[in-house]
Amino acid sequence: MTPRDIHIADYRSISPDGEGVVTDMKEARDHSTGEAGAVIGYTYEVAIPSRRFEKIRLTVNGAALIEPDFFKKSPTAHVKITDVKGFIGKWYRLKGETEYRLSCKASGFTVVKEEKRV
């Protein structure tokens, strides 16, 4: 058995209180042909408060759940989220590397509060 065989099927395994803070987002593109293709969703950078704000990247296919320009307008903008639905986390390792990384996907989440600080 390797870490690749272990899947995390509940967001609360990573964030026991079920909360997160989105600090950035980028377009997620289809790479099935080996090149960046059409936009298929968005990848959100999520800090986990209960884990000393350790960050994960969470990919959600489909339309943006947060206004895409929200983070461009203020470098300290953040969005509190909860109720992450359809979460799946898988460990992977890039060729030539010794450490594993966590790939996270979900079908959606609930926005609790958007904040911008100047």
N, C-alpha and C. Protein backbone atom coordinates (compact mmCIF):
# COMPACT_ATOMS: atom_id res chain seq x y z
N MET A 1 0.84 -1.17 0.00
CA MET A 1 0.00 0.00 0.00
C MET A 1 0.89 1.25 0.00
N THR A 2 0.48 2.23 -0.80
CA THR A 2 1.20 3.50 -0.85
C THR A 2 0.22 4.63 -0.53
N PRO A 3 0.70 5.83 -0.26
CA PRO A 3 -0.21 6.96 -0.01
C PRO A 3 -1.21 7.18 -1.15
N ARG A 4 -0.84 6.82 -2.37
CA ARG A 4 -1.76 6.97 -3.50
C ARG A 4 -3.03 6.15 -3.35
N ASP A 5 -2.96 5.10 -2.52
CA ASP A 5 -4.12 4.23 -2.30
C ASP A 5 -5.09 4.80 -1.28
N ILE A 6 -4.69 5.88 -0.59
CA ILE A 6 -5.52 6.47 0.47
C ILE A 6 -6.27 7.67 -0.09
N HIS A 7 -7.60 7.64 0.01
CA HIS A 7 -8.43 8.75 -0.45
C HIS A 7 -9.17 9.33 0.75
N ILE A 8 -9.30 10.63 0.76
CA ILE A 8 -10.02 11.32 1.83
C ILE A 8 -11.39 11.69 1.27
N ALA A 9 -12.46 11.17 1.86
CA ALA A 9 -13.79 11.36 1.29
C ALA A 9 -14.64 12.35 2.07
N ASP A 10 -14.07 13.01 3.08
CA ASP A 10 -14.84 13.96 3.88
C ASP A 10 -13.98 15.18 4.19
N TYR A 11 -14.44 16.36 3.83
CA TYR A 11 -13.70 17.61 4.09
C TYR A 11 -13.41 17.78 5.57
N ARG A 12 -14.29 17.28 6.43
CA ARG A 12 -14.07 17.42 7.87
C ARG A 12 -12.87 16.60 8.37
N SER A 13 -12.36 15.70 7.56
CA SER A 13 -11.12 15.00 7.90
C SER A 13 -9.93 15.95 7.82
N ILE A 14 -10.06 16.99 7.01
CA ILE A 14 -9.01 18.00 6.87
C ILE A 14 -9.31 19.21 7.75
N SER A 15 -10.58 19.60 7.81
CA SER A 15 -11.03 20.74 8.59
C SER A 15 -12.17 20.28 9.50
N PRO A 16 -11.85 19.90 10.76
CA PRO A 16 -12.86 19.34 11.65
C PRO A 16 -14.11 20.20 11.84
N ASP A 17 -13.97 21.53 11.78
CA ASP A 17 -15.15 22.38 11.94
C ASP A 17 -15.85 22.64 10.61
N GLY A 18 -15.30 22.12 9.52
CA GLY A 18 -15.92 22.24 8.20
C GLY A 18 -15.74 23.60 7.55
N GLU A 19 -14.89 24.45 8.13
CA GLU A 19 -14.71 25.80 7.60
C GLU A 19 -13.42 25.94 6.82
N GLY A 20 -13.35 26.99 6.01
CA GLY A 20 -12.15 27.32 5.26
C GLY A 20 -12.20 28.79 4.89
N VAL A 21 -11.06 29.31 4.47
CA VAL A 21 -10.97 30.70 4.04
C VAL A 21 -10.31 30.72 2.67
N VAL A 22 -11.08 31.12 1.64
CA VAL A 22 -10.54 31.21 0.29
C VAL A 22 -9.74 32.50 0.18
N THR A 23 -8.47 32.38 -0.25
CA THR A 23 -7.61 33.55 -0.36
C THR A 23 -7.25 33.89 -1.80
N ASP A 24 -7.55 33.00 -2.73
CA ASP A 24 -7.28 33.25 -4.14
C ASP A 24 -8.00 32.19 -4.97
N MET A 25 -8.16 32.49 -6.26
CA MET A 25 -8.76 31.51 -7.16
C MET A 25 -8.20 31.70 -8.57
N LYS A 26 -8.15 30.62 -9.32
CA LYS A 26 -7.67 30.65 -10.69
C LYS A 26 -8.54 29.72 -11.53
N GLU A 27 -8.53 29.94 -12.83
CA GLU A 27 -9.27 29.05 -13.73
C GLU A 27 -8.63 27.66 -13.73
N ALA A 28 -9.48 26.64 -13.77
CA ALA A 28 -9.02 25.26 -13.93
C ALA A 28 -9.29 24.88 -15.38
N ARG A 29 -8.28 24.36 -16.05
CA ARG A 29 -8.41 24.05 -17.47
C ARG A 29 -8.27 22.55 -17.72
N ASP A 30 -8.89 22.11 -18.79
CA ASP A 30 -8.79 20.71 -19.22
C ASP A 30 -7.39 20.47 -19.78
N HIS A 31 -6.70 19.46 -19.25
CA HIS A 31 -5.36 19.10 -19.72
C HIS A 31 -5.33 17.69 -20.32
N SER A 32 -6.49 17.17 -20.73
CA SER A 32 -6.56 15.80 -21.23
C SER A 32 -5.75 15.58 -22.50
N THR A 33 -5.48 16.64 -23.26
CA THR A 33 -4.70 16.50 -24.48
C THR A 33 -3.22 16.78 -24.24
N GLY A 34 -2.85 17.09 -22.99
CA GLY A 34 -1.46 17.41 -22.68
C GLY A 34 -1.18 18.90 -22.75
N GLU A 35 -2.15 19.68 -23.20
CA GLU A 35 -2.03 21.14 -23.25
C GLU A 35 -3.21 21.76 -22.54
N ALA A 36 -3.05 23.01 -22.10
CA ALA A 36 -4.14 23.72 -21.43
C ALA A 36 -5.26 23.98 -22.43
N GLY A 37 -6.43 23.44 -22.14
CA GLY A 37 -7.58 23.58 -23.03
C GLY A 37 -8.62 24.53 -22.46
N ALA A 38 -9.87 24.17 -22.63
CA ALA A 38 -10.99 25.00 -22.19
C ALA A 38 -11.07 25.08 -20.67
N VAL A 39 -11.65 26.17 -20.17
CA VAL A 39 -11.88 26.32 -18.74
C VAL A 39 -12.99 25.36 -18.33
N ILE A 40 -12.70 24.52 -17.32
CA ILE A 40 -13.69 23.53 -16.87
C ILE A 40 -14.21 23.84 -15.46
N GLY A 41 -13.61 24.83 -14.81
CA GLY A 41 -14.01 25.18 -13.44
C GLY A 41 -13.00 26.14 -12.85
N TYR A 42 -12.90 26.12 -11.51
CA TYR A 42 -11.99 27.01 -10.82
C TYR A 42 -11.27 26.27 -9.70
N THR A 43 -10.03 26.67 -9.45
CA THR A 43 -9.26 26.14 -8.34
C THR A 43 -9.15 27.24 -7.30
N TYR A 44 -9.58 26.92 -6.10
CA TYR A 44 -9.60 27.88 -4.99
C TYR A 44 -8.49 27.54 -4.00
N GLU A 45 -7.73 28.54 -3.58
CA GLU A 45 -6.73 28.34 -2.54
C GLU A 45 -7.45 28.54 -1.21
N VAL A 46 -7.49 27.48 -0.41
CA VAL A 46 -8.26 27.49 0.83
C VAL A 46 -7.34 27.31 2.03
N ALA A 47 -7.37 28.27 2.95
CA ALA A 47 -6.63 28.16 4.20
C ALA A 47 -7.55 27.50 5.23
N ILE A 48 -7.00 26.58 6.00
CA ILE A 48 -7.77 25.83 6.99
C ILE A 48 -7.47 26.42 8.38
N PRO A 49 -8.40 27.19 8.97
CA PRO A 49 -8.14 27.83 10.26
C PRO A 49 -7.75 26.86 11.38
N SER A 50 -8.39 25.70 11.44
CA SER A 50 -8.10 24.74 12.51
C SER A 50 -6.75 24.05 12.34
N ARG A 51 -6.08 24.28 11.22
CA ARG A 51 -4.75 23.70 10.97
C ARG A 51 -3.71 24.80 10.78
N ARG A 52 -3.82 25.83 11.60
CA ARG A 52 -2.88 26.97 11.54
C ARG A 52 -2.83 27.60 10.15
N PHE A 53 -3.96 27.64 9.50
CA PHE A 53 -4.13 28.24 8.18
C PHE A 53 -3.27 27.58 7.10
N GLU A 54 -3.02 26.28 7.27
CA GLU A 54 -2.37 25.50 6.21
C GLU A 54 -3.26 25.57 4.98
N LYS A 55 -2.67 25.66 3.80
CA LYS A 55 -3.46 25.84 2.58
C LYS A 55 -3.54 24.58 1.74
N ILE A 56 -4.71 24.43 1.11
CA ILE A 56 -4.92 23.38 0.12
C ILE A 56 -5.47 24.07 -1.13
N ARG A 57 -5.40 23.39 -2.24
CA ARG A 57 -6.06 23.87 -3.46
C ARG A 57 -7.24 22.96 -3.73
N LEU A 58 -8.40 23.58 -3.90
CA LEU A 58 -9.64 22.85 -4.06
C LEU A 58 -10.24 23.18 -5.43
N THR A 59 -10.37 22.17 -6.30
CA THR A 59 -10.91 22.38 -7.64
C THR A 59 -12.39 22.02 -7.66
N VAL A 60 -13.18 22.95 -8.22
CA VAL A 60 -14.62 22.74 -8.38
C VAL A 60 -14.95 22.98 -9.84
N ASN A 61 -15.46 21.96 -10.51
CA ASN A 61 -15.85 22.11 -11.92
C ASN A 61 -17.11 22.95 -12.05
N GLY A 62 -17.23 23.64 -13.18
CA GLY A 62 -18.43 24.43 -13.44
C GLY A 62 -18.20 25.91 -13.22
N ALA A 63 -19.30 26.62 -13.06
CA ALA A 63 -19.26 28.09 -12.91
C ALA A 63 -18.57 28.50 -11.62
N ALA A 64 -18.03 29.72 -11.61
CA ALA A 64 -17.36 30.26 -10.43
C ALA A 64 -18.34 30.41 -9.28
N LEU A 65 -17.92 30.03 -8.07
CA LEU A 65 -18.75 30.19 -6.88
C LEU A 65 -18.49 31.52 -6.19
N ILE A 66 -17.42 32.19 -6.60
CA ILE A 66 -17.04 33.52 -6.13
C ILE A 66 -16.75 34.34 -7.37
N GLU A 67 -17.09 35.61 -7.34
CA GLU A 67 -16.81 36.49 -8.48
C GLU A 67 -15.32 36.39 -8.83
N PRO A 68 -14.96 36.01 -10.07
CA PRO A 68 -13.55 35.81 -10.44
C PRO A 68 -12.65 37.02 -10.21
N ASP A 69 -13.16 38.24 -10.30
CA ASP A 69 -12.34 39.44 -10.09
C ASP A 69 -12.24 39.86 -8.63
N PHE A 70 -12.91 39.17 -7.73
CA PHE A 70 -12.96 39.56 -6.32
C PHE A 70 -11.57 39.72 -5.70
N PHE A 71 -10.67 38.80 -5.98
CA PHE A 71 -9.34 38.82 -5.36
C PHE A 71 -8.39 39.79 -6.05
N LYS A 72 -8.70 40.18 -7.28
CA LYS A 72 -7.85 41.12 -8.01
C LYS A 72 -8.01 42.55 -7.49
N LYS A 73 -9.16 42.85 -6.92
CA LYS A 73 -9.46 44.20 -6.47
C LYS A 73 -8.77 44.55 -5.15
N SER A 74 -8.44 43.56 -4.33
CA SER A 74 -7.81 43.79 -3.04
C SER A 74 -6.90 42.61 -2.70
N PRO A 75 -5.61 42.88 -2.43
CA PRO A 75 -4.69 41.78 -2.13
C PRO A 75 -4.96 41.09 -0.80
N THR A 76 -5.77 41.70 0.08
CA THR A 76 -6.08 41.07 1.37
C THR A 76 -7.49 40.51 1.41
N ALA A 77 -8.15 40.43 0.27
CA ALA A 77 -9.52 39.90 0.22
C ALA A 77 -9.53 38.42 0.59
N HIS A 78 -10.59 38.01 1.25
CA HIS A 78 -10.77 36.60 1.55
C HIS A 78 -12.26 36.29 1.71
N VAL A 79 -12.58 35.02 1.55
CA VAL A 79 -13.98 34.57 1.60
C VAL A 79 -14.06 33.36 2.53
N LYS A 80 -14.89 33.48 3.55
CA LYS A 80 -15.10 32.35 4.45
C LYS A 80 -16.11 31.40 3.81
N ILE A 81 -15.80 30.10 3.88
CA ILE A 81 -16.68 29.08 3.30
C ILE A 81 -16.96 27.98 4.31
N THR A 82 -18.00 27.23 4.03
CA THR A 82 -18.36 26.07 4.83
C THR A 82 -19.13 25.10 3.94
N ASP A 83 -19.54 24.00 4.48
CA ASP A 83 -20.39 23.03 3.78
C ASP A 83 -19.81 22.63 2.42
N VAL A 84 -18.57 22.15 2.43
CA VAL A 84 -17.93 21.68 1.20
C VAL A 84 -18.59 20.36 0.80
N LYS A 85 -19.14 20.32 -0.40
CA LYS A 85 -19.91 19.16 -0.87
C LYS A 85 -19.09 18.30 -1.83
N GLY A 86 -19.30 17.01 -1.80
CA GLY A 86 -18.68 16.08 -2.75
C GLY A 86 -17.16 16.09 -2.71
N PHE A 87 -16.59 16.28 -1.52
CA PHE A 87 -15.13 16.39 -1.39
C PHE A 87 -14.45 15.04 -1.61
N ILE A 88 -13.33 15.08 -2.32
CA ILE A 88 -12.45 13.91 -2.46
C ILE A 88 -11.01 14.42 -2.50
N GLY A 89 -10.18 13.85 -1.67
CA GLY A 89 -8.77 14.20 -1.64
C GLY A 89 -7.94 12.97 -1.97
N LYS A 90 -6.97 13.13 -2.86
CA LYS A 90 -6.11 12.01 -3.25
C LYS A 90 -4.65 12.46 -3.16
N TRP A 91 -3.83 11.57 -2.67
CA TRP A 91 -2.40 11.85 -2.61
C TRP A 91 -1.75 11.48 -3.93
N TYR A 92 -0.79 12.29 -4.37
CA TYR A 92 -0.05 11.98 -5.59
C TYR A 92 1.38 12.46 -5.44
N ARG A 93 2.23 11.96 -6.31
CA ARG A 93 3.64 12.37 -6.31
C ARG A 93 4.06 12.59 -7.75
N LEU A 94 4.71 13.71 -7.99
CA LEU A 94 5.21 14.01 -9.33
C LEU A 94 6.46 13.18 -9.62
N LYS A 95 6.65 12.86 -10.87
CA LYS A 95 7.81 12.07 -11.27
C LYS A 95 9.09 12.77 -10.85
N GLY A 96 9.97 12.05 -10.21
CA GLY A 96 11.25 12.60 -9.79
C GLY A 96 11.23 13.23 -8.41
N GLU A 97 10.05 13.34 -7.80
CA GLU A 97 9.95 13.93 -6.46
C GLU A 97 9.76 12.83 -5.42
N THR A 98 10.15 13.13 -4.19
CA THR A 98 10.01 12.15 -3.12
C THR A 98 8.82 12.43 -2.22
N GLU A 99 8.35 13.68 -2.19
CA GLU A 99 7.22 14.04 -1.33
C GLU A 99 5.89 13.94 -2.07
N TYR A 100 4.86 13.60 -1.32
CA TYR A 100 3.52 13.52 -1.87
C TYR A 100 2.80 14.86 -1.72
N ARG A 101 1.83 15.09 -2.60
CA ARG A 101 0.98 16.28 -2.55
C ARG A 101 -0.46 15.81 -2.49
N LEU A 102 -1.34 16.70 -2.07
CA LEU A 102 -2.75 16.37 -1.95
C LEU A 102 -3.55 17.07 -3.04
N SER A 103 -4.26 16.30 -3.83
CA SER A 103 -5.14 16.83 -4.87
C SER A 103 -6.57 16.80 -4.32
N CYS A 104 -7.24 17.97 -4.28
CA CYS A 104 -8.58 18.06 -3.70
C CYS A 104 -9.59 18.55 -4.72
N LYS A 105 -10.73 17.87 -4.75
CA LYS A 105 -11.82 18.26 -5.63
C LYS A 105 -13.11 18.25 -4.83
N ALA A 106 -14.08 19.07 -5.27
CA ALA A 106 -15.38 19.10 -4.62
C ALA A 106 -16.42 19.48 -5.66
N SER A 107 -17.68 19.27 -5.33
CA SER A 107 -18.75 19.67 -6.24
C SER A 107 -19.28 21.06 -5.91
N GLY A 108 -18.91 21.59 -4.75
CA GLY A 108 -19.35 22.93 -4.38
C GLY A 108 -19.07 23.25 -2.93
N PHE A 109 -19.40 24.47 -2.51
CA PHE A 109 -19.30 24.91 -1.13
C PHE A 109 -20.23 26.09 -0.93
N THR A 110 -20.44 26.48 0.33
CA THR A 110 -21.29 27.61 0.66
C THR A 110 -20.43 28.78 1.10
N VAL A 111 -20.67 29.96 0.50
CA VAL A 111 -19.97 31.17 0.89
C VAL A 111 -20.65 31.73 2.13
N VAL A 112 -19.85 31.96 3.20
CA VAL A 112 -20.38 32.49 4.44
C VAL A 112 -20.26 34.00 4.47
N LYS A 113 -19.06 34.52 4.11
CA LYS A 113 -18.83 35.96 4.20
C LYS A 113 -17.64 36.34 3.33
N GLU A 114 -17.82 37.41 2.56
CA GLU A 114 -16.73 37.97 1.76
C GLU A 114 -16.19 39.19 2.47
N GLU A 115 -14.85 39.30 2.55
CA GLU A 115 -14.24 40.45 3.23
C GLU A 115 -13.09 40.99 2.41
N LYS A 116 -13.00 42.31 2.44
CA LYS A 116 -11.86 43.00 1.83
C LYS A 116 -11.31 43.94 2.88
N ARG A 117 -10.02 43.89 3.08
CA ARG A 117 -9.39 44.80 4.03
C ARG A 117 -8.41 45.68 3.28
N VAL A 118 -8.37 46.93 3.67
CA VAL A 118 -7.48 47.87 2.99
C VAL A 118 -6.21 48.02 3.77
